[in-house]
Amino acid sequence: MTQRKKTSPAAKVFGAQSRMMRERLGWTMKDLEKRVPYTESMIAKVERGERVPKPPYVVAVDEALAAQGLLMEAAKLLWEDGPPAWTQEYRELQAVALALHVYSTHFLHGLLQTESYARAVLHSVRPSLDEEEIEVAVQTRLATQQLLHRKPAPRLAFVLEEAVLRKMIGGTEVWEDQLRHLLNCAGLHNLQLQVMPNSRETNAGIEGPFVLLETREHQTIGYVEGQEGSYFLPDPEDVSVLNHRYGTIQSQALDPEASVAFIKRMLAGDQ
């Protein structure tokens, strides 16, 4: 799949700088592995420009290599350069995906959002977006929802943390309308919706939200969005971990029927 081979130019530059600093110390990647909480495999991917590292990685490597903040400075361009292109690439892959497995912990995935909810989410973003930016983003998000009714139908699975359902983003009216919309989505033959209740004493999703996307070529990749941006996890090792994690998350969540009943009780004020 050609899309998976695209890399950020800034990621390649950052990787080269990191490698040069390591080699100046006469260290192998194994030597660096002993000094940071990351594997040699992860270090190799970053140095080749195949993986955009998150801030904790950059801080750890900057300190280990005595870079005196140089890698942190280089990473600013890295994070500015990578996520926007990847976000667009993800949308393109999502539009033709055979299957999506989504785990949401902070707010609803864009495929499930009503227009009012989407607008309220975007109004919550800080620094604030102007009205034109918000409107463009809302319409872009709504356009992606064509996937729900696409033929051939994709296989869609969503696990939502209860906390996501309880956030009254946009106010009571928007919240109630969003819950009703979720119930309608749950009625689609190709969509499975589950709720992870707060009462669970163990939760395999403790590390945060992610998406598993199966491409038209029957390849599965991971996709993660967070405070520091968005990035792909195409490596088979990472995908294997996420597959196992998602399976566990599904087993811990309420089943689809119980999840629908849970949302109905919330709407009725009984939950």
Protein backbone atom coordinates (compact mmCIF):
# COMPACT_ATOMS: atom_id res chain seq x y z
CA MET A 1 0.00 0.00 0.00
CA THR A 2 1.73 3.18 -1.15
CA GLN A 3 0.11 5.42 1.45
CA ARG A 4 1.85 3.64 4.29
CA LYS A 5 5.27 4.37 2.81
CA LYS A 6 4.87 8.15 2.96
CA THR A 7 7.04 9.80 5.59
CA SER A 8 7.33 13.33 6.88
CA PRO A 9 10.43 15.20 5.62
CA ALA A 10 10.80 16.69 9.09
CA ALA A 11 10.76 13.17 10.58
CA LYS A 12 13.63 12.15 8.31
CA VAL A 13 15.65 15.23 9.30
CA PHE A 14 14.96 14.67 13.00
CA GLY A 15 15.93 11.02 12.69
CA ALA A 16 19.19 11.90 10.96
CA GLN A 17 20.06 14.47 13.63
CA SER A 18 19.32 11.98 16.39
CA ARG A 19 21.43 9.31 14.70
CA MET A 20 24.38 11.69 14.20
CA MET A 21 24.34 12.71 17.86
CA ARG A 22 24.27 9.07 18.92
CA GLU A 23 27.10 8.10 16.58
CA ARG A 24 29.27 11.02 17.76
CA LEU A 25 29.19 9.40 21.20
CA GLY A 26 30.24 6.12 19.61
CA TRP A 27 27.01 4.47 20.73
CA THR A 28 25.03 1.78 18.97
CA MET A 29 21.25 1.81 19.10
CA LYS A 30 21.52 -0.94 21.71
CA ASP A 31 23.66 1.41 23.83
CA LEU A 32 20.98 4.08 23.62
CA GLU A 33 18.26 1.53 24.41
CA LYS A 34 19.95 0.92 27.76
CA ARG A 35 19.64 4.61 28.65
CA VAL A 36 16.05 5.36 27.57
CA PRO A 37 12.71 3.57 28.15
CA TYR A 38 12.37 2.67 24.46
CA THR A 39 13.30 -0.40 22.44
CA GLU A 40 16.03 -0.62 19.83
CA SER A 41 13.28 -1.23 17.26
CA MET A 42 11.57 2.05 18.19
CA ILE A 43 14.86 3.95 18.06
CA ALA A 44 15.62 2.52 14.61
CA LYS A 45 12.21 3.59 13.26
CA VAL A 46 12.65 7.13 14.55
CA GLU A 47 16.18 7.41 13.16
CA ARG A 48 14.98 6.21 9.75
CA GLY A 49 12.18 8.78 9.80
CA GLU A 50 9.49 6.10 9.83
CA ARG A 51 8.01 7.11 13.18
CA VAL A 52 7.26 10.59 14.50
CA PRO A 53 8.19 10.41 18.20
CA LYS A 54 6.01 11.86 20.91
CA PRO A 55 7.44 14.43 23.37
CA PRO A 56 8.44 11.91 26.10
CA TYR A 57 10.68 10.10 23.60
CA VAL A 58 12.33 13.33 22.45
CA VAL A 59 12.96 14.46 26.03
CA ALA A 60 14.46 11.10 27.01
CA VAL A 61 16.76 10.89 23.98
CA ASP A 62 17.76 14.57 24.23
CA GLU A 63 18.86 14.00 27.82
CA ALA A 64 20.57 10.68 27.12
CA LEU A 65 22.58 12.15 24.23
CA ALA A 66 23.35 15.36 26.17
CA ALA A 67 21.85 17.31 23.25
CA GLN A 68 21.10 20.29 25.54
CA GLY A 69 17.66 20.87 24.06
CA LEU A 70 18.69 20.73 20.39
CA LEU A 71 16.46 17.73 19.68
CA MET A 72 13.54 19.40 21.45
CA GLU A 73 13.96 22.42 19.18
CA ALA A 74 14.14 20.18 16.10
CA ALA A 75 11.00 18.38 17.24
CA LYS A 76 8.92 21.57 17.07
CA LEU A 77 9.12 21.52 13.29
CA LEU A 78 8.59 17.76 13.35
CA TRP A 79 5.24 18.03 15.13
CA GLU A 80 4.13 20.97 13.00
CA ASP A 81 4.98 19.16 9.79
CA GLY A 82 3.66 15.67 10.39
CA PRO A 83 0.12 15.59 11.78
CA PRO A 84 -1.84 17.68 9.21
CA ALA A 85 -0.72 15.54 6.26
CA TRP A 86 -1.34 12.38 8.23
CA THR A 87 -4.81 13.53 9.24
CA GLN A 88 -5.72 14.01 5.59
CA GLU A 89 -4.15 10.67 4.70
CA TYR A 90 -6.17 9.00 7.44
CA ARG A 91 -9.41 10.49 6.10
CA GLU A 92 -8.59 9.14 2.65
CA LEU A 93 -7.88 5.67 4.03
CA GLN A 94 -11.00 5.75 6.21
CA ALA A 95 -13.24 6.59 3.25
CA VAL A 96 -12.33 3.30 1.52
CA ALA A 97 -11.66 1.15 4.59
CA LEU A 98 -13.00 -2.38 4.81
CA ALA A 99 -13.26 -2.18 8.58
CA LEU A 100 -12.73 0.18 11.50
CA HIS A 101 -12.34 -0.66 15.16
CA VAL A 102 -12.51 2.51 17.26
CA TYR A 103 -11.87 3.05 20.97
CA SER A 104 -12.98 6.48 22.27
CA THR A 105 -12.05 7.88 25.67
CA HIS A 106 -12.48 11.67 25.51
CA PHE A 107 -15.16 12.47 22.94
CA LEU A 108 -17.10 10.67 20.23
CA HIS A 109 -15.42 9.65 17.00
CA GLY A 110 -16.31 11.95 14.09
CA LEU A 111 -18.30 9.21 12.36
CA LEU A 112 -20.78 9.21 15.24
CA GLN A 113 -21.13 12.95 15.84
CA THR A 114 -24.19 15.04 15.14
CA GLU A 115 -23.62 18.41 13.51
CA SER A 116 -24.37 20.27 16.76
CA TYR A 117 -22.07 18.02 18.78
CA ALA A 118 -19.26 18.39 16.23
CA ARG A 119 -19.61 22.16 16.33
CA ALA A 120 -19.56 22.16 20.15
CA VAL A 121 -16.43 19.99 20.21
CA LEU A 122 -14.63 22.34 17.84
CA HIS A 123 -15.72 25.37 19.87
CA SER A 124 -14.01 23.71 22.85
CA VAL A 125 -10.62 23.60 21.11
CA ARG A 126 -7.91 25.85 22.54
CA PRO A 127 -6.37 27.98 21.17
CA SER A 128 -9.77 28.93 19.77
CA LEU A 129 -10.65 28.45 16.12
CA ASP A 130 -12.46 31.20 14.23
CA GLU A 131 -15.98 30.60 12.96
CA GLU A 132 -14.88 29.97 9.39
CA GLU A 133 -12.36 27.33 10.49
CA ILE A 134 -15.00 25.66 12.64
CA GLU A 135 -17.56 25.57 9.83
CA VAL A 136 -15.08 24.04 7.38
CA ALA A 137 -14.07 21.44 9.96
CA VAL A 138 -17.70 20.58 10.78
CA GLN A 139 -18.64 20.07 7.14
CA THR A 140 -15.50 18.01 6.55
CA ARG A 141 -16.38 15.83 9.52
CA LEU A 142 -19.98 15.35 8.39
CA ALA A 143 -18.82 14.42 4.90
CA THR A 144 -16.83 11.49 6.32
CA GLN A 145 -20.07 10.00 7.64
CA GLN A 146 -20.96 8.82 4.16
CA LEU A 147 -18.89 5.81 5.17
CA LEU A 148 -21.72 4.64 7.46
CA HIS A 149 -23.98 4.00 4.48
CA ARG A 150 -21.39 3.14 1.86
CA LYS A 151 -21.80 0.10 -0.37
CA PRO A 152 -20.17 -2.31 0.03
CA ALA A 153 -20.74 -1.71 3.72
CA PRO A 154 -17.64 -1.48 5.94
CA ARG A 155 -17.49 -3.36 9.23
CA LEU A 156 -17.59 -0.79 12.03
CA ALA A 157 -17.03 -1.34 15.74
CA PHE A 158 -16.95 1.35 18.43
CA VAL A 159 -16.19 1.04 22.12
CA LEU A 160 -17.04 4.21 24.05
CA GLU A 161 -15.98 4.97 27.59
CA GLU A 162 -18.96 5.82 29.77
CA ALA A 163 -17.23 9.12 30.55
CA VAL A 164 -17.57 10.07 26.87
CA LEU A 165 -21.33 9.61 27.06
CA ARG A 166 -21.62 11.63 30.25
CA LYS A 167 -19.82 14.72 28.92
CA MET A 168 -22.60 17.17 28.13
CA ILE A 169 -20.65 18.94 25.41
CA GLY A 170 -22.82 21.68 23.93
CA GLY A 171 -25.43 21.50 26.68
CA THR A 172 -28.39 19.29 27.53
CA GLU A 173 -30.24 19.59 24.22
CA VAL A 174 -27.16 18.80 22.12
CA TRP A 175 -26.24 15.95 24.47
CA GLU A 176 -29.66 14.31 24.36
CA ASP A 177 -29.83 14.63 20.58
CA GLN A 178 -26.38 13.03 20.35
CA LEU A 179 -27.44 10.07 22.49
CA ARG A 180 -30.49 9.52 20.30
CA HIS A 181 -28.23 9.63 17.27
CA LEU A 182 -26.00 6.98 18.82
CA LEU A 183 -29.00 4.71 19.22
CA ASN A 184 -29.84 5.18 15.54
CA CYS A 185 -26.24 4.36 14.60
CA ALA A 186 -26.35 1.26 16.78
CA GLY A 187 -29.27 0.07 14.67
CA LEU A 188 -27.17 -0.07 11.49
CA HIS A 189 -26.55 -3.67 10.43
CA ASN A 190 -22.82 -3.08 9.89
CA LEU A 191 -22.14 -1.15 13.09
CA GLN A 192 -21.46 -2.50 16.57
CA LEU A 193 -21.56 -0.12 19.52
CA GLN A 194 -20.36 -0.96 23.02
CA VAL A 195 -20.00 0.99 26.25
CA MET A 196 -17.14 0.54 28.72
CA PRO A 197 -18.78 1.28 32.09
CA ASN A 198 -17.04 3.30 34.78
CA SER A 199 -17.73 0.43 37.16
CA ARG A 200 -15.11 -1.77 35.47
CA GLU A 201 -12.27 -2.49 37.89
CA THR A 202 -9.87 -3.35 35.05
CA ASN A 203 -9.63 -1.57 31.71
CA ALA A 204 -7.24 -2.63 28.94
CA GLY A 205 -7.69 0.77 27.29
CA ILE A 206 -6.02 2.67 30.08
CA GLU A 207 -3.32 4.00 27.69
CA GLY A 208 -5.81 5.97 25.61
CA PRO A 209 -7.85 6.05 22.38
CA PHE A 210 -6.89 4.50 19.06
CA VAL A 211 -8.28 3.21 15.77
CA LEU A 212 -7.54 0.00 13.89
CA LEU A 213 -8.22 0.41 10.17
CA GLU A 214 -8.32 -2.40 7.61
CA THR A 215 -7.43 -1.14 4.14
CA ARG A 216 -8.71 -2.31 0.77
CA GLU A 217 -5.56 -4.44 0.55
CA HIS A 218 -6.59 -6.27 3.76
CA GLN A 219 -3.75 -4.65 5.70
CA THR A 220 -4.43 -3.33 9.19
CA ILE A 221 -2.83 -0.17 10.53
CA GLY A 222 -3.20 1.68 13.80
CA TYR A 223 -3.98 5.38 14.10
CA VAL A 224 -3.69 7.49 17.23
CA GLU A 225 -4.75 11.07 17.93
CA GLY A 226 -3.71 13.00 21.00
CA GLN A 227 -2.50 16.28 22.45
CA GLU A 228 0.75 16.12 20.47
CA GLY A 229 -0.88 15.34 17.14
CA SER A 230 -1.79 12.25 15.17
CA TYR A 231 0.28 9.41 13.82
CA PHE A 232 0.10 6.01 12.15
CA LEU A 233 1.26 2.73 13.64
CA PRO A 234 1.78 0.55 10.55
CA ASP A 235 4.37 -1.79 12.07
CA PRO A 236 3.03 -5.37 12.43
CA GLU A 237 4.32 -5.55 16.02
CA ASP A 238 2.37 -2.45 17.02
CA VAL A 239 -0.74 -3.61 15.16
CA SER A 240 -0.57 -6.99 16.88
CA VAL A 241 -0.47 -5.29 20.29
CA LEU A 242 -3.40 -3.04 19.41
CA ASN A 243 -5.42 -5.96 18.04
CA HIS A 244 -4.94 -7.87 21.27
CA ARG A 245 -5.75 -4.77 23.31
CA TYR A 246 -8.92 -4.03 21.35
CA GLY A 247 -10.12 -7.60 21.74
CA THR A 248 -9.68 -7.33 25.49
CA ILE A 249 -11.42 -3.94 25.57
CA GLN A 250 -14.41 -5.41 23.72
CA SER A 251 -14.60 -8.33 26.14
CA GLN A 252 -14.55 -5.95 29.12
CA ALA A 253 -17.21 -3.60 27.72
CA LEU A 254 -20.95 -4.17 27.86
CA ASP A 255 -22.24 -6.24 24.94
CA PRO A 256 -24.07 -4.35 22.15
CA GLU A 257 -27.57 -5.06 23.49
CA ALA A 258 -26.64 -4.05 27.04
CA SER A 259 -24.89 -0.96 25.68
CA VAL A 260 -28.02 0.20 23.84
CA ALA A 261 -30.05 -0.37 27.01
CA PHE A 262 -27.46 1.62 28.96
CA ILE A 263 -27.77 4.62 26.62
CA LYS A 264 -31.57 4.44 26.73
CA ARG A 265 -31.45 4.55 30.55
CA MET A 266 -29.18 7.60 30.36
CA LEU A 267 -31.68 9.36 28.12
CA ALA A 268 -34.49 8.47 30.50
CA GLY A 269 -32.47 9.75 33.45
CA ASP A 270 -32.33 6.31 35.06
CA GLN A 271 -28.59 5.68 34.65
